[in-house]
Amino acid sequence: MLQCAGRGRRTGDCCGTAREYTLTNLNLYGNQLREGAGHSIANVLRENHTLANLNLSGNELGEGGAQAIAAALRVNTTLTELYLYSNSLGEGGGQAIAAALRVNTTLTELYLYSNSLGEGGGQAIAQKKKKKKK
């Protein structure tokens, strides 16, 4: 949903700067986004203070994209839902996401299925889940 701030504009009349609107949900499902896009999205996540729901599923972010997004999750305090399924994140990507979850306190929903996380990535995520239940 895109909501615009005042300045005499009606909702939907968003043609100004990024500071004039609030983006809370972004769905980029199935856009053939690769590792470079993952790095770009990670840069935005570091600075964004309004995005709550991000769907990056069905892309090709790979391990490098996952690692970049994981680094951003360490400092992002607004994202609550993240969809990363079917992105070939690999074992390293799973481990990076798990490490980020140790410090991120706002993410409540995370979808990682169909990513070939391997034993190491799966165990890292499982360990995080166990620690959170305590």
N, C-alpha and C. Protein backbone atom coordinates (compact mmCIF):
# COMPACT_ATOMS: atom_id res chain seq x y z
N MET A 1 0.84 -1.17 0.00
CA MET A 1 0.00 0.00 0.00
C MET A 1 0.89 1.24 0.00
N LEU A 2 0.54 2.19 -0.81
CA LEU A 2 1.29 3.44 -0.90
C LEU A 2 0.41 4.55 -0.38
N GLN A 3 0.86 5.23 0.64
CA GLN A 3 0.08 6.31 1.21
C GLN A 3 0.88 7.60 1.11
N CYS A 4 0.26 8.64 0.61
CA CYS A 4 0.95 9.91 0.45
C CYS A 4 0.64 10.86 1.59
N ALA A 5 1.61 11.68 1.89
CA ALA A 5 1.43 12.71 2.90
C ALA A 5 0.82 13.95 2.26
N GLY A 6 0.18 14.75 3.05
CA GLY A 6 -0.50 15.98 2.66
C GLY A 6 0.02 16.77 1.48
N ARG A 7 0.45 17.98 1.72
CA ARG A 7 0.92 18.93 0.72
C ARG A 7 -0.12 19.14 -0.40
N GLY A 8 -1.40 19.09 -0.04
CA GLY A 8 -2.44 19.38 -1.01
C GLY A 8 -2.70 18.26 -2.00
N ARG A 9 -2.18 17.09 -1.75
CA ARG A 9 -2.36 15.97 -2.68
C ARG A 9 -3.42 15.01 -2.16
N ARG A 10 -4.11 14.37 -3.09
CA ARG A 10 -5.04 13.32 -2.74
C ARG A 10 -4.26 12.02 -2.62
N THR A 11 -4.80 11.04 -1.90
CA THR A 11 -4.17 9.73 -1.82
C THR A 11 -4.01 9.18 -3.23
N GLY A 12 -2.81 8.72 -3.54
CA GLY A 12 -2.53 8.19 -4.87
C GLY A 12 -1.80 9.17 -5.76
N ASP A 13 -1.75 10.44 -5.38
CA ASP A 13 -1.04 11.44 -6.17
C ASP A 13 0.42 11.52 -5.74
N CYS A 14 1.12 10.42 -5.82
CA CYS A 14 2.51 10.36 -5.34
C CYS A 14 3.48 10.56 -6.50
N CYS A 15 3.94 11.74 -6.67
CA CYS A 15 4.89 11.97 -7.74
C CYS A 15 6.09 12.76 -7.26
N GLY A 16 6.19 12.95 -5.96
CA GLY A 16 7.29 13.74 -5.41
C GLY A 16 8.42 12.87 -4.92
N THR A 17 9.09 13.33 -3.89
CA THR A 17 10.24 12.62 -3.35
C THR A 17 9.80 11.48 -2.45
N ALA A 18 10.76 10.63 -2.10
CA ALA A 18 10.48 9.47 -1.25
C ALA A 18 9.99 9.89 0.13
N ARG A 19 10.31 11.08 0.56
CA ARG A 19 9.90 11.54 1.88
C ARG A 19 8.43 11.92 1.94
N GLU A 20 7.77 11.99 0.80
CA GLU A 20 6.37 12.40 0.76
C GLU A 20 5.41 11.23 0.82
N TYR A 21 5.89 10.00 0.87
CA TYR A 21 4.99 8.86 0.94
C TYR A 21 5.52 7.79 1.88
N THR A 22 4.62 6.89 2.24
CA THR A 22 4.96 5.81 3.14
C THR A 22 4.63 4.49 2.47
N LEU A 23 5.64 3.70 2.17
CA LEU A 23 5.46 2.39 1.59
C LEU A 23 5.54 1.36 2.71
N THR A 24 4.46 0.58 2.90
CA THR A 24 4.44 -0.40 3.97
C THR A 24 4.51 -1.83 3.45
N ASN A 25 4.08 -2.08 2.23
CA ASN A 25 4.08 -3.42 1.64
C ASN A 25 4.69 -3.37 0.25
N LEU A 26 5.60 -4.30 -0.03
CA LEU A 26 6.22 -4.36 -1.36
C LEU A 26 6.28 -5.81 -1.80
N ASN A 27 5.68 -6.11 -2.95
CA ASN A 27 5.65 -7.46 -3.49
C ASN A 27 6.42 -7.48 -4.81
N LEU A 28 7.58 -8.15 -4.79
CA LEU A 28 8.42 -8.28 -5.99
C LEU A 28 8.54 -9.74 -6.40
N TYR A 29 7.51 -10.50 -6.13
CA TYR A 29 7.48 -11.93 -6.43
C TYR A 29 7.73 -12.19 -7.93
N GLY A 30 8.61 -13.15 -8.20
CA GLY A 30 8.80 -13.65 -9.56
C GLY A 30 9.28 -12.64 -10.58
N ASN A 31 10.19 -11.78 -10.23
CA ASN A 31 10.69 -10.76 -11.15
C ASN A 31 12.10 -11.04 -11.68
N GLN A 32 12.57 -12.26 -11.50
CA GLN A 32 13.91 -12.67 -11.94
C GLN A 32 15.00 -11.78 -11.35
N LEU A 33 14.81 -11.36 -10.10
CA LEU A 33 15.80 -10.55 -9.42
C LEU A 33 16.98 -11.44 -9.03
N ARG A 34 18.17 -10.94 -9.23
CA ARG A 34 19.38 -11.73 -8.94
C ARG A 34 20.15 -11.10 -7.77
N GLU A 35 21.36 -11.58 -7.55
CA GLU A 35 22.16 -11.16 -6.40
C GLU A 35 22.32 -9.64 -6.32
N GLY A 36 22.57 -8.99 -7.44
CA GLY A 36 22.74 -7.54 -7.43
C GLY A 36 21.51 -6.82 -6.91
N ALA A 37 20.34 -7.30 -7.28
CA ALA A 37 19.10 -6.71 -6.78
C ALA A 37 18.99 -6.93 -5.27
N GLY A 38 19.46 -8.09 -4.81
CA GLY A 38 19.46 -8.36 -3.38
C GLY A 38 20.29 -7.34 -2.61
N HIS A 39 21.43 -6.98 -3.18
CA HIS A 39 22.29 -5.96 -2.55
C HIS A 39 21.59 -4.60 -2.55
N SER A 40 20.93 -4.26 -3.64
CA SER A 40 20.22 -2.98 -3.73
C SER A 40 19.07 -2.92 -2.73
N ILE A 41 18.31 -4.01 -2.64
CA ILE A 41 17.19 -4.06 -1.70
C ILE A 41 17.71 -3.99 -0.27
N ALA A 42 18.82 -4.63 -0.01
CA ALA A 42 19.42 -4.58 1.33
C ALA A 42 19.79 -3.14 1.70
N ASN A 43 20.32 -2.40 0.75
CA ASN A 43 20.66 -0.99 1.01
C ASN A 43 19.43 -0.19 1.38
N VAL A 44 18.33 -0.45 0.70
CA VAL A 44 17.07 0.25 1.01
C VAL A 44 16.58 -0.16 2.40
N LEU A 45 16.66 -1.45 2.73
CA LEU A 45 16.20 -1.92 4.04
C LEU A 45 16.97 -1.28 5.19
N ARG A 46 18.22 -0.94 4.96
CA ARG A 46 19.02 -0.30 6.01
C ARG A 46 18.49 1.10 6.33
N GLU A 47 17.97 1.78 5.33
CA GLU A 47 17.52 3.17 5.49
C GLU A 47 16.03 3.33 5.69
N ASN A 48 15.24 2.34 5.26
CA ASN A 48 13.78 2.45 5.28
C ASN A 48 13.24 2.26 6.70
N HIS A 49 12.27 3.10 7.06
CA HIS A 49 11.69 3.04 8.40
C HIS A 49 10.19 2.83 8.37
N THR A 50 9.66 2.35 7.23
CA THR A 50 8.22 2.16 7.14
C THR A 50 7.80 0.80 6.57
N LEU A 51 8.65 0.16 5.80
CA LEU A 51 8.29 -1.09 5.14
C LEU A 51 8.10 -2.20 6.18
N ALA A 52 6.92 -2.82 6.19
CA ALA A 52 6.62 -3.87 7.16
C ALA A 52 6.56 -5.25 6.50
N ASN A 53 6.20 -5.30 5.23
CA ASN A 53 6.01 -6.58 4.54
C ASN A 53 6.75 -6.55 3.21
N LEU A 54 7.64 -7.53 3.00
CA LEU A 54 8.43 -7.60 1.77
C LEU A 54 8.39 -9.02 1.22
N ASN A 55 7.94 -9.15 -0.02
CA ASN A 55 7.88 -10.45 -0.68
C ASN A 55 8.89 -10.46 -1.83
N LEU A 56 9.95 -11.25 -1.66
CA LEU A 56 10.98 -11.40 -2.69
C LEU A 56 11.00 -12.83 -3.23
N SER A 57 9.96 -13.58 -2.98
CA SER A 57 9.91 -14.99 -3.37
C SER A 57 9.91 -15.16 -4.88
N GLY A 58 10.34 -16.37 -5.29
CA GLY A 58 10.31 -16.72 -6.70
C GLY A 58 11.30 -15.95 -7.54
N ASN A 59 12.39 -15.53 -6.95
CA ASN A 59 13.44 -14.82 -7.67
C ASN A 59 14.72 -15.67 -7.67
N GLU A 60 15.84 -15.07 -7.92
CA GLU A 60 17.11 -15.78 -7.99
C GLU A 60 18.19 -15.02 -7.22
N LEU A 61 17.87 -14.67 -5.97
CA LEU A 61 18.78 -13.85 -5.17
C LEU A 61 20.07 -14.58 -4.82
N GLY A 62 20.01 -15.88 -4.66
CA GLY A 62 21.20 -16.66 -4.37
C GLY A 62 21.78 -16.38 -2.99
N GLU A 63 22.90 -17.04 -2.72
CA GLU A 63 23.56 -16.93 -1.43
C GLU A 63 24.03 -15.51 -1.14
N GLY A 64 24.60 -14.85 -2.14
CA GLY A 64 25.09 -13.48 -1.95
C GLY A 64 23.98 -12.50 -1.66
N GLY A 65 22.85 -12.64 -2.34
CA GLY A 65 21.70 -11.78 -2.08
C GLY A 65 21.16 -11.99 -0.68
N ALA A 66 21.12 -13.26 -0.26
CA ALA A 66 20.64 -13.59 1.09
C ALA A 66 21.56 -12.99 2.15
N GLN A 67 22.86 -13.07 1.91
CA GLN A 67 23.81 -12.52 2.87
C GLN A 67 23.66 -11.00 2.99
N ALA A 68 23.42 -10.34 1.86
CA ALA A 68 23.22 -8.88 1.89
C ALA A 68 21.94 -8.52 2.66
N ILE A 69 20.87 -9.24 2.38
CA ILE A 69 19.60 -8.98 3.07
C ILE A 69 19.74 -9.28 4.55
N ALA A 70 20.46 -10.36 4.88
CA ALA A 70 20.68 -10.69 6.28
C ALA A 70 21.42 -9.57 7.01
N ALA A 71 22.42 -8.99 6.38
CA ALA A 71 23.15 -7.87 6.99
C ALA A 71 22.21 -6.70 7.25
N ALA A 72 21.30 -6.45 6.33
CA ALA A 72 20.33 -5.35 6.51
C ALA A 72 19.35 -5.66 7.63
N LEU A 73 18.98 -6.93 7.79
CA LEU A 73 18.05 -7.31 8.85
C LEU A 73 18.63 -7.04 10.23
N ARG A 74 19.93 -6.99 10.33
CA ARG A 74 20.58 -6.72 11.61
C ARG A 74 20.27 -5.32 12.12
N VAL A 75 19.99 -4.38 11.20
CA VAL A 75 19.75 -2.98 11.60
C VAL A 75 18.33 -2.51 11.32
N ASN A 76 17.58 -3.24 10.50
CA ASN A 76 16.21 -2.84 10.18
C ASN A 76 15.31 -3.10 11.37
N THR A 77 14.47 -2.12 11.71
CA THR A 77 13.60 -2.26 12.88
C THR A 77 12.11 -2.17 12.55
N THR A 78 11.74 -2.24 11.26
CA THR A 78 10.34 -2.11 10.92
C THR A 78 9.77 -3.32 10.18
N LEU A 79 10.60 -4.09 9.51
CA LEU A 79 10.11 -5.23 8.73
C LEU A 79 9.60 -6.32 9.67
N THR A 80 8.35 -6.74 9.47
CA THR A 80 7.77 -7.79 10.30
C THR A 80 7.53 -9.08 9.51
N GLU A 81 7.35 -8.99 8.20
CA GLU A 81 7.14 -10.16 7.37
C GLU A 81 8.10 -10.15 6.19
N LEU A 82 8.78 -11.29 5.97
CA LEU A 82 9.73 -11.41 4.87
C LEU A 82 9.54 -12.75 4.18
N TYR A 83 9.25 -12.69 2.89
CA TYR A 83 9.04 -13.88 2.08
C TYR A 83 10.24 -14.05 1.15
N LEU A 84 10.98 -15.12 1.38
CA LEU A 84 12.18 -15.40 0.59
C LEU A 84 12.16 -16.79 -0.05
N TYR A 85 11.01 -17.43 -0.10
CA TYR A 85 11.00 -18.79 -0.62
C TYR A 85 11.35 -18.82 -2.11
N SER A 86 11.92 -19.95 -2.52
CA SER A 86 12.32 -20.20 -3.92
C SER A 86 13.29 -19.15 -4.46
N ASN A 87 14.43 -19.03 -3.79
CA ASN A 87 15.45 -18.07 -4.19
C ASN A 87 16.85 -18.66 -4.28
N SER A 88 16.98 -19.97 -4.11
CA SER A 88 18.30 -20.62 -4.14
C SER A 88 19.29 -19.95 -3.18
N LEU A 89 18.85 -19.75 -1.94
CA LEU A 89 19.68 -19.06 -0.95
C LEU A 89 20.87 -19.88 -0.50
N GLY A 90 20.77 -21.18 -0.56
CA GLY A 90 21.89 -22.05 -0.21
C GLY A 90 22.18 -22.07 1.28
N GLU A 91 23.15 -22.91 1.64
CA GLU A 91 23.51 -23.09 3.04
C GLU A 91 24.05 -21.81 3.67
N GLY A 92 24.92 -21.12 2.95
CA GLY A 92 25.49 -19.86 3.46
C GLY A 92 24.43 -18.80 3.67
N GLY A 93 23.46 -18.75 2.77
CA GLY A 93 22.37 -17.79 2.91
C GLY A 93 21.52 -18.09 4.13
N GLY A 94 21.24 -19.37 4.35
CA GLY A 94 20.48 -19.77 5.53
C GLY A 94 21.20 -19.44 6.82
N GLN A 95 22.50 -19.68 6.83
CA GLN A 95 23.29 -19.36 8.02
C GLN A 95 23.33 -17.86 8.28
N ALA A 96 23.44 -17.07 7.21
CA ALA A 96 23.46 -15.61 7.36
C ALA A 96 22.13 -15.09 7.90
N ILE A 97 21.03 -15.63 7.38
CA ILE A 97 19.70 -15.22 7.86
C ILE A 97 19.55 -15.59 9.33
N ALA A 98 19.97 -16.80 9.70
CA ALA A 98 19.88 -17.23 11.10
C ALA A 98 20.68 -16.31 12.02
N ALA A 99 21.87 -15.92 11.60
CA ALA A 99 22.69 -15.02 12.40
C ALA A 99 22.01 -13.66 12.57
N ALA A 100 21.37 -13.18 11.51
CA ALA A 100 20.68 -11.89 11.59
C ALA A 100 19.49 -11.96 12.54
N LEU A 101 18.83 -13.10 12.57
CA LEU A 101 17.67 -13.26 13.45
C LEU A 101 18.05 -13.22 14.93
N ARG A 102 19.30 -13.46 15.22
CA ARG A 102 19.75 -13.40 16.62
C ARG A 102 19.68 -11.97 17.17
N VAL A 103 19.79 -10.97 16.27
CA VAL A 103 19.77 -9.57 16.73
C VAL A 103 18.51 -8.83 16.30
N ASN A 104 17.83 -9.30 15.27
CA ASN A 104 16.61 -8.65 14.81
C ASN A 104 15.46 -9.02 15.74
N THR A 105 14.76 -8.01 16.24
CA THR A 105 13.66 -8.27 17.18
C THR A 105 12.29 -7.95 16.61
N THR A 106 12.22 -7.48 15.37
CA THR A 106 10.93 -7.08 14.82
C THR A 106 10.34 -8.07 13.83
N LEU A 107 11.16 -8.87 13.18
CA LEU A 107 10.68 -9.83 12.19
C LEU A 107 9.91 -10.94 12.89
N THR A 108 8.63 -11.11 12.54
CA THR A 108 7.79 -12.13 13.18
C THR A 108 7.42 -13.26 12.23
N GLU A 109 7.48 -13.02 10.92
CA GLU A 109 7.16 -14.06 9.95
C GLU A 109 8.25 -14.11 8.89
N LEU A 110 8.76 -15.33 8.64
CA LEU A 110 9.83 -15.53 7.69
C LEU A 110 9.56 -16.81 6.92
N TYR A 111 9.55 -16.73 5.59
CA TYR A 111 9.25 -17.87 4.73
C TYR A 111 10.48 -18.20 3.89
N LEU A 112 11.04 -19.39 4.13
CA LEU A 112 12.30 -19.77 3.49
C LEU A 112 12.23 -21.08 2.71
N TYR A 113 11.07 -21.66 2.54
CA TYR A 113 11.03 -22.98 1.90
C TYR A 113 11.51 -22.93 0.45
N SER A 114 11.95 -24.10 -0.04
CA SER A 114 12.48 -24.28 -1.41
C SER A 114 13.70 -23.40 -1.68
N ASN A 115 14.69 -23.49 -0.79
CA ASN A 115 15.90 -22.69 -0.94
C ASN A 115 17.19 -23.49 -0.89
N SER A 116 17.11 -24.80 -0.78
CA SER A 116 18.32 -25.64 -0.70
C SER A 116 19.25 -25.12 0.40
N LEU A 117 18.71 -24.94 1.59
CA LEU A 117 19.50 -24.41 2.71
C LEU A 117 20.55 -25.41 3.19
N GLY A 118 20.37 -26.66 2.87
CA GLY A 118 21.32 -27.67 3.29
C GLY A 118 21.26 -27.90 4.79
N GLU A 119 22.07 -28.85 5.25
CA GLU A 119 22.07 -29.20 6.66
C GLU A 119 22.52 -28.03 7.54
N GLY A 120 23.57 -27.34 7.13
CA GLY A 120 24.09 -26.23 7.93
C GLY A 120 23.12 -25.08 8.04
N GLY A 121 22.50 -24.71 6.95
CA GLY A 121 21.53 -23.61 6.96
C GLY A 121 20.29 -23.98 7.76
N GLY A 122 19.83 -25.23 7.56
CA GLY A 122 18.65 -25.70 8.29
C GLY A 122 18.90 -25.77 9.78
N GLN A 123 20.07 -26.26 10.16
CA GLN A 123 20.41 -26.34 11.59
C GLN A 123 20.52 -24.95 12.21
N ALA A 124 21.08 -24.02 11.48
CA ALA A 124 21.23 -22.65 12.01
C ALA A 124 19.86 -22.03 12.27
N ILE A 125 18.93 -22.22 11.33
CA ILE A 125 17.56 -21.69 11.51
C ILE A 125 16.88 -22.41 12.67
N ALA A 126 17.05 -23.73 12.76
CA ALA A 126 16.44 -24.50 13.85
C ALA A 126 16.98 -24.05 15.20
N GLN A 127 18.27 -23.79 15.29
CA GLN A 127 18.87 -23.32 16.54
C GLN A 127 18.26 -21.98 16.95
N LYS A 128 18.07 -21.10 16.00
CA LYS A 128 17.47 -19.80 16.29
C LYS A 128 16.06 -19.99 16.83
N LYS A 129 15.31 -20.90 16.20
CA LYS A 129 13.93 -21.15 16.63
C LYS A 129 13.89 -21.68 18.06
N LYS A 130 14.81 -22.58 18.39
CA LYS A 130 14.87 -23.13 19.75
C LYS A 130 15.17 -22.03 20.76
N LYS A 131 16.11 -21.17 20.45
CA LYS A 131 16.48 -20.09 21.39
C LYS A 131 15.34 -19.12 21.61
N LYS A 132 14.55 -18.85 20.57
CA LYS A 132 13.45 -17.91 20.68
C LYS A 132 12.33 -18.43 21.58
N LYS A 133 12.14 -19.76 21.62
CA LYS A 133 11.09 -20.35 22.44
C LYS A 133 11.39 -20.26 23.92
N LYS A 134 12.63 -20.13 24.30
CA LYS A 134 13.01 -20.12 25.72
C LYS A 134 12.51 -18.89 26.43
